[in-house]
Amino acid sequence: MNVVVDLNRCQGYAQCAFLAPEVFAMHGEESLLYHPVVPDGHLEQVRRAVVACPVQAIVMGEEAGAGAR
């Protein structure tokens, strides 16, 4: 499963980093780092992070990020 964050939309609320720290991490106060491939066993945490994002900047799915090469 893949995940993509629209970093132009992300406002650094860090809900994703709180809910799925294995995938999302804040770098400084406003920059988000993330792993585009969700590790096994962490799908539910990432799903919660997607729903919790107040600006809906996170997209999750098999096709997420497929065109970004």
PDB file of N, CA and C in Angstrom:
ATOM      1  N   MET A   1       0.847  -1.172   0.000  1.00  0.00           N
ATOM      2  CA  MET A   1       0.000   0.000   0.000  1.00  0.00           C
ATOM      3  C   MET A   1       0.893   1.234   0.000  1.00  0.00           C
ATOM      4  N   ASN A   2       0.501   2.224  -0.773  1.00  0.00           N
ATOM      5  CA  ASN A   2       1.282   3.452  -0.899  1.00  0.00           C
ATOM      6  C   ASN A   2       0.560   4.620  -0.254  1.00  0.00           C
ATOM      7  N   VAL A   3       1.312   5.629   0.090  1.00  0.00           N
ATOM      8  CA  VAL A   3       0.765   6.857   0.643  1.00  0.00           C
ATOM      9  C   VAL A   3       1.500   8.035   0.024  1.00  0.00           C
ATOM     10  N   VAL A   4       0.744   9.096  -0.270  1.00  0.00           N
ATOM     11  CA  VAL A   4       1.317  10.319  -0.824  1.00  0.00           C
ATOM     12  C   VAL A   4       0.754  11.490  -0.032  1.00  0.00           C
ATOM     13  N   VAL A   5       1.624  12.429   0.314  1.00  0.00           N
ATOM     14  CA  VAL A   5       1.199  13.643   1.003  1.00  0.00           C
ATOM     15  C   VAL A   5       1.403  14.821   0.064  1.00  0.00           C
ATOM     16  N   ASP A   6       0.361  15.619  -0.105  1.00  0.00           N
ATOM     17  CA  ASP A   6       0.467  16.863  -0.862  1.00  0.00           C
ATOM     18  C   ASP A   6       1.146  17.871   0.066  1.00  0.00           C
ATOM     19  N   LEU A   7       2.439  18.044  -0.108  1.00  0.00           N
ATOM     20  CA  LEU A   7       3.209  18.898   0.794  1.00  0.00           C
ATOM     21  C   LEU A   7       2.887  20.375   0.625  1.00  0.00           C
ATOM     22  N   ASN A   8       2.244  20.730  -0.476  1.00  0.00           N
ATOM     23  CA  ASN A   8       1.780  22.110  -0.634  1.00  0.00           C
ATOM     24  C   ASN A   8       0.527  22.361   0.195  1.00  0.00           C
ATOM     25  N   ARG A   9      -0.256  21.338   0.392  1.00  0.00           N
ATOM     26  CA  ARG A   9      -1.485  21.443   1.175  1.00  0.00           C
ATOM     27  C   ARG A   9      -1.215  21.256   2.674  1.00  0.00           C
ATOM     28  N   CYS A  10      -0.247  20.416   3.012  1.00  0.00           N
ATOM     29  CA  CYS A  10       0.074  20.113   4.413  1.00  0.00           C
ATOM     30  C   CYS A  10       0.408  21.402   5.164  1.00  0.00           C
ATOM     31  N   GLN A  11      -0.185  21.551   6.342  1.00  0.00           N
ATOM     32  CA  GLN A  11       0.050  22.732   7.179  1.00  0.00           C
ATOM     33  C   GLN A  11       0.843  22.418   8.446  1.00  0.00           C
ATOM     34  N   GLY A  12       1.313  21.192   8.579  1.00  0.00           N
ATOM     35  CA  GLY A  12       2.155  20.827   9.709  1.00  0.00           C
ATOM     36  C   GLY A  12       1.414  20.622  11.019  1.00  0.00           C
ATOM     37  N   TYR A  13       0.152  20.212  10.957  1.00  0.00           N
ATOM     38  CA  TYR A  13      -0.602  19.942  12.185  1.00  0.00           C
ATOM     39  C   TYR A  13      -0.086  18.704  12.917  1.00  0.00           C
ATOM     40  N   ALA A  14       0.582  17.815  12.218  1.00  0.00           N
ATOM     41  CA  ALA A  14       1.281  16.644  12.770  1.00  0.00           C
ATOM     42  C   ALA A  14       0.359  15.566  13.325  1.00  0.00           C
ATOM     43  N   GLN A  15      -0.906  15.578  12.966  1.00  0.00           N
ATOM     44  CA  GLN A  15      -1.799  14.502  13.403  1.00  0.00           C
ATOM     45  C   GLN A  15      -1.321  13.163  12.855  1.00  0.00           C
ATOM     46  N   CYS A  16      -0.838  13.158  11.622  1.00  0.00           N
ATOM     47  CA  CYS A  16      -0.350  11.918  11.013  1.00  0.00           C
ATOM     48  C   CYS A  16       0.868  11.381  11.766  1.00  0.00           C
ATOM     49  N   ALA A  17       1.779  12.267  12.150  1.00  0.00           N
ATOM     50  CA  ALA A  17       2.985  11.843  12.872  1.00  0.00           C
ATOM     51  C   ALA A  17       2.638  11.283  14.247  1.00  0.00           C
ATOM     52  N   PHE A  18       1.596  11.798  14.852  1.00  0.00           N
ATOM     53  CA  PHE A  18       1.150  11.295  16.149  1.00  0.00           C
ATOM     54  C   PHE A  18       0.503   9.914  16.012  1.00  0.00           C
ATOM     55  N   LEU A  19      -0.312   9.741  14.963  1.00  0.00           N
ATOM     56  CA  LEU A  19      -1.071   8.497  14.792  1.00  0.00           C
ATOM     57  C   LEU A  19      -0.282   7.379  14.119  1.00  0.00           C
ATOM     58  N   ALA A  20       0.672   7.717  13.266  1.00  0.00           N
ATOM     59  CA  ALA A  20       1.455   6.697  12.547  1.00  0.00           C
ATOM     60  C   ALA A  20       2.925   7.123  12.478  1.00  0.00           C
ATOM     61  N   PRO A  21       3.606   7.141  13.620  1.00  0.00           N
ATOM     62  CA  PRO A  21       4.996   7.623  13.638  1.00  0.00           C
ATOM     63  C   PRO A  21       5.971   6.755  12.856  1.00  0.00           C
ATOM     64  N   GLU A  22       5.581   5.521  12.517  1.00  0.00           N
ATOM     65  CA  GLU A  22       6.448   4.665  11.715  1.00  0.00           C
ATOM     66  C   GLU A  22       6.498   5.120  10.254  1.00  0.00           C
ATOM     67  N   VAL A  23       5.509   5.930   9.850  1.00  0.00           N
ATOM     68  CA  VAL A  23       5.409   6.357   8.456  1.00  0.00           C
ATOM     69  C   VAL A  23       5.635   7.861   8.311  1.00  0.00           C
ATOM     70  N   PHE A  24       5.135   8.647   9.253  1.00  0.00           N
ATOM     71  CA  PHE A  24       5.200  10.110   9.180  1.00  0.00           C
ATOM     72  C   PHE A  24       6.046  10.662  10.323  1.00  0.00           C
ATOM     73  N   ALA A  25       6.836  11.686  10.034  1.00  0.00           N
ATOM     74  CA  ALA A  25       7.638  12.335  11.067  1.00  0.00           C
ATOM     75  C   ALA A  25       7.796  13.810  10.724  1.00  0.00           C
ATOM     76  N   MET A  26       7.752  14.618  11.737  1.00  0.00           N
ATOM     77  CA  MET A  26       7.991  16.043  11.539  1.00  0.00           C
ATOM     78  C   MET A  26       9.495  16.292  11.559  1.00  0.00           C
ATOM     79  N   HIS A  27       9.941  17.125  10.646  1.00  0.00           N
ATOM     80  CA  HIS A  27      11.340  17.539  10.568  1.00  0.00           C
ATOM     81  C   HIS A  27      11.341  19.031  10.868  1.00  0.00           C
ATOM     82  N   GLY A  28      11.712  19.370  12.067  1.00  0.00           N
ATOM     83  CA  GLY A  28      11.573  20.753  12.503  1.00  0.00           C
ATOM     84  C   GLY A  28      10.119  20.996  12.894  1.00  0.00           C
ATOM     85  N   GLU A  29       9.668  22.225  12.810  1.00  0.00           N
ATOM     86  CA  GLU A  29       8.307  22.552  13.232  1.00  0.00           C
ATOM     87  C   GLU A  29       7.280  22.451  12.120  1.00  0.00           C
ATOM     88  N   GLU A  30       7.714  22.531  10.868  1.00  0.00           N
ATOM     89  CA  GLU A  30       6.737  22.595   9.785  1.00  0.00           C
ATOM     90  C   GLU A  30       6.944  21.602   8.659  1.00  0.00           C
ATOM     91  N   SER A  31       8.076  20.951   8.559  1.00  0.00           N
ATOM     92  CA  SER A  31       8.353  20.049   7.440  1.00  0.00           C
ATOM     93  C   SER A  31       7.990  18.613   7.792  1.00  0.00           C
ATOM     94  N   LEU A  32       7.278  17.966   6.892  1.00  0.00           N
ATOM     95  CA  LEU A  32       6.872  16.578   7.098  1.00  0.00           C
ATOM     96  C   LEU A  32       7.716  15.652   6.238  1.00  0.00           C
ATOM     97  N   LEU A  33       8.212  14.599   6.849  1.00  0.00           N
ATOM     98  CA  LEU A  33       8.881  13.517   6.127  1.00  0.00           C
ATOM     99  C   LEU A  33       7.983  12.296   6.234  1.00  0.00           C
ATOM    100  N   TYR A  34       7.962  11.479   5.168  1.00  0.00           N
ATOM    101  CA  TYR A  34       7.134  10.275   5.220  1.00  0.00           C
ATOM    102  C   TYR A  34       7.700   9.197   4.313  1.00  0.00           C
ATOM    103  N   HIS A  35       7.340   7.948   4.617  1.00  0.00           N
ATOM    104  CA  HIS A  35       7.717   6.797   3.804  1.00  0.00           C
ATOM    105  C   HIS A  35       6.561   6.519   2.855  1.00  0.00           C
ATOM    106  N   PRO A  36       6.779   6.515   1.552  1.00  0.00           N
ATOM    107  CA  PRO A  36       5.683   6.329   0.599  1.00  0.00           C
ATOM    108  C   PRO A  36       5.089   4.924   0.573  1.00  0.00           C
ATOM    109  N   VAL A  37       5.828   3.933   1.068  1.00  0.00           N
ATOM    110  CA  VAL A  37       5.306   2.566   1.123  1.00  0.00           C
ATOM    111  C   VAL A  37       4.982   2.242   2.581  1.00  0.00           C
ATOM    112  N   VAL A  38       3.710   1.938   2.839  1.00  0.00           N
ATOM    113  CA  VAL A  38       3.267   1.656   4.209  1.00  0.00           C
ATOM    114  C   VAL A  38       3.793   0.285   4.634  1.00  0.00           C
ATOM    115  N   PRO A  39       4.514   0.206   5.753  1.00  0.00           N
ATOM    116  CA  PRO A  39       5.023  -1.084   6.223  1.00  0.00           C
ATOM    117  C   PRO A  39       3.890  -2.027   6.636  1.00  0.00           C
ATOM    118  N   ASP A  40       4.123  -3.306   6.460  1.00  0.00           N
ATOM    119  CA  ASP A  40       3.141  -4.299   6.899  1.00  0.00           C
ATOM    120  C   ASP A  40       2.826  -4.090   8.380  1.00  0.00           C
ATOM    121  N   GLY A  41       1.573  -4.237   8.713  1.00  0.00           N
ATOM    122  CA  GLY A  41       1.164  -4.098  10.097  1.00  0.00           C
ATOM    123  C   GLY A  41       0.824  -2.679  10.525  1.00  0.00           C
ATOM    124  N   HIS A  42       0.958  -1.713   9.611  1.00  0.00           N
ATOM    125  CA  HIS A  42       0.702  -0.319   9.968  1.00  0.00           C
ATOM    126  C   HIS A  42      -0.419   0.313   9.143  1.00  0.00           C
ATOM    127  N   LEU A  43      -1.151  -0.504   8.418  1.00  0.00           N
ATOM    128  CA  LEU A  43      -2.214   0.034   7.567  1.00  0.00           C
ATOM    129  C   LEU A  43      -3.291   0.758   8.362  1.00  0.00           C
ATOM    130  N   GLU A  44      -3.711   0.194   9.473  1.00  0.00           N
ATOM    131  CA  GLU A  44      -4.785   0.817  10.251  1.00  0.00           C
ATOM    132  C   GLU A  44      -4.350   2.169  10.819  1.00  0.00           C
ATOM    133  N   GLN A  45      -3.113   2.262  11.291  1.00  0.00           N
ATOM    134  CA  GLN A  45      -2.615   3.536  11.808  1.00  0.00           C
ATOM    135  C   GLN A  45      -2.585   4.594  10.710  1.00  0.00           C
ATOM    136  N   VAL A  46      -2.165   4.198   9.507  1.00  0.00           N
ATOM    137  CA  VAL A  46      -2.099   5.151   8.394  1.00  0.00           C
ATOM    138  C   VAL A  46      -3.507   5.544   7.961  1.00  0.00           C
ATOM    139  N   ARG A  47      -4.437   4.600   7.949  1.00  0.00           N
ATOM    140  CA  ARG A  47      -5.827   4.949   7.628  1.00  0.00           C
ATOM    141  C   ARG A  47      -6.360   5.989   8.604  1.00  0.00           C
ATOM    142  N   ARG A  48      -6.066   5.825   9.872  1.00  0.00           N
ATOM    143  CA  ARG A  48      -6.493   6.810  10.880  1.00  0.00           C
ATOM    144  C   ARG A  48      -5.839   8.161  10.633  1.00  0.00           C
ATOM    145  N   ALA A  49      -4.575   8.146  10.241  1.00  0.00           N
ATOM    146  CA  ALA A  49      -3.870   9.396   9.950  1.00  0.00           C
ATOM    147  C   ALA A  49      -4.490  10.112   8.750  1.00  0.00           C
ATOM    148  N   VAL A  50      -4.862   9.357   7.725  1.00  0.00           N
ATOM    149  CA  VAL A  50      -5.503   9.943   6.540  1.00  0.00           C
ATOM    150  C   VAL A  50      -6.794  10.644   6.944  1.00  0.00           C
ATOM    151  N   VAL A  51      -7.599   9.989   7.742  1.00  0.00           N
ATOM    152  CA  VAL A  51      -8.882  10.555   8.173  1.00  0.00           C
ATOM    153  C   VAL A  51      -8.666  11.754   9.095  1.00  0.00           C
ATOM    154  N   ALA A  52      -7.633  11.713   9.919  1.00  0.00           N
ATOM    155  CA  ALA A  52      -7.404  12.771  10.907  1.00  0.00           C
ATOM    156  C   ALA A  52      -6.795  14.038  10.323  1.00  0.00           C
ATOM    157  N   CYS A  53      -6.241  13.962   9.127  1.00  0.00           N
ATOM    158  CA  CYS A  53      -5.593  15.144   8.542  1.00  0.00           C
ATOM    159  C   CYS A  53      -6.625  16.264   8.346  1.00  0.00           C
ATOM    160  N   PRO A  54      -6.447  17.396   9.033  1.00  0.00           N
ATOM    161  CA  PRO A  54      -7.448  18.456   8.954  1.00  0.00           C
ATOM    162  C   PRO A  54      -7.528  19.144   7.588  1.00  0.00           C
ATOM    163  N   VAL A  55      -6.498  19.006   6.764  1.00  0.00           N
ATOM    164  CA  VAL A  55      -6.530  19.632   5.439  1.00  0.00           C
ATOM    165  C   VAL A  55      -6.598  18.602   4.314  1.00  0.00           C
ATOM    166  N   GLN A  56      -6.793  17.340   4.677  1.00  0.00           N
ATOM    167  CA  GLN A  56      -6.926  16.238   3.714  1.00  0.00           C
ATOM    168  C   GLN A  56      -5.782  16.201   2.709  1.00  0.00           C
ATOM    169  N   ALA A  57      -4.569  16.266   3.226  1.00  0.00           N
ATOM    170  CA  ALA A  57      -3.378  16.292   2.381  1.00  0.00           C
ATOM    171  C   ALA A  57      -2.827  14.910   2.065  1.00  0.00           C
ATOM    172  N   ILE A  58      -3.397  13.851   2.670  1.00  0.00           N
ATOM    173  CA  ILE A  58      -2.838  12.505   2.527  1.00  0.00           C
ATOM    174  C   ILE A  58      -3.759  11.643   1.666  1.00  0.00           C
ATOM    175  N   VAL A  59      -3.164  10.962   0.687  1.00  0.00           N
ATOM    176  CA  VAL A  59      -3.888  10.019  -0.161  1.00  0.00           C
ATOM    177  C   VAL A  59      -3.247   8.653   0.025  1.00  0.00           C
ATOM    178  N   MET A  60      -4.087   7.637   0.187  1.00  0.00           N
ATOM    179  CA  MET A  60      -3.583   6.281   0.402  1.00  0.00           C
ATOM    180  C   MET A  60      -4.241   5.328  -0.574  1.00  0.00           C
ATOM    181  N   GLY A  61      -3.476   4.394  -1.126  1.00  0.00           N
ATOM    182  CA  GLY A  61      -4.017   3.393  -2.032  1.00  0.00           C
ATOM    183  C   GLY A  61      -2.918   2.778  -2.861  1.00  0.00           C
ATOM    184  N   GLU A  62      -3.259   1.721  -3.582  1.00  0.00           N
ATOM    185  CA  GLU A  62      -2.267   1.039  -4.420  1.00  0.00           C
ATOM    186  C   GLU A  62      -1.732   1.949  -5.519  1.00  0.00           C
ATOM    187  N   GLU A  63      -2.579   2.842  -6.036  1.00  0.00           N
ATOM    188  CA  GLU A  63      -2.183   3.710  -7.138  1.00  0.00           C
ATOM    189  C   GLU A  63      -1.594   5.032  -6.673  1.00  0.00           C
ATOM    190  N   ALA A  64      -1.639   5.317  -5.380  1.00  0.00           N
ATOM    191  CA  ALA A  64      -1.098   6.581  -4.866  1.00  0.00           C
ATOM    192  C   ALA A  64       0.392   6.674  -5.183  1.00  0.00           C
ATOM    193  N   GLY A  65       0.767   7.730  -5.841  1.00  0.00           N
ATOM    194  CA  GLY A  65       2.166   7.945  -6.165  1.00  0.00           C
ATOM    195  C   GLY A  65       2.677   7.163  -7.353  1.00  0.00           C
ATOM    196  N   ALA A  66       1.823   6.440  -8.053  1.00  0.00           N
ATOM    197  CA  ALA A  66       2.275   5.607  -9.174  1.00  0.00           C
ATOM    198  C   ALA A  66       2.900   6.439 -10.292  1.00  0.00           C
ATOM    199  N   GLY A  67       2.429   7.660 -10.486  1.00  0.00           N
ATOM    200  CA  GLY A  67       2.957   8.499 -11.564  1.00  0.00           C
ATOM    201  C   GLY A  67       4.114   9.366 -11.165  1.00  0.00           C
ATOM    202  N   ALA A  68       4.500   9.346  -9.909  1.00  0.00           N
ATOM    203  CA  ALA A  68       5.569  10.221  -9.413  1.00  0.00           C
ATOM    204  C   ALA A  68       6.913   9.520  -9.497  1.00  0.00           C
ATOM    205  N   ARG A  69       7.546   9.570 -10.652  1.00  0.00           N
ATOM    206  CA  ARG A  69       8.877   8.946 -10.805  1.00  0.00           C
ATOM    207  C   ARG A  69       9.824   9.896 -11.438  1.00  0.00           C
TER     208      ARG A  69
END
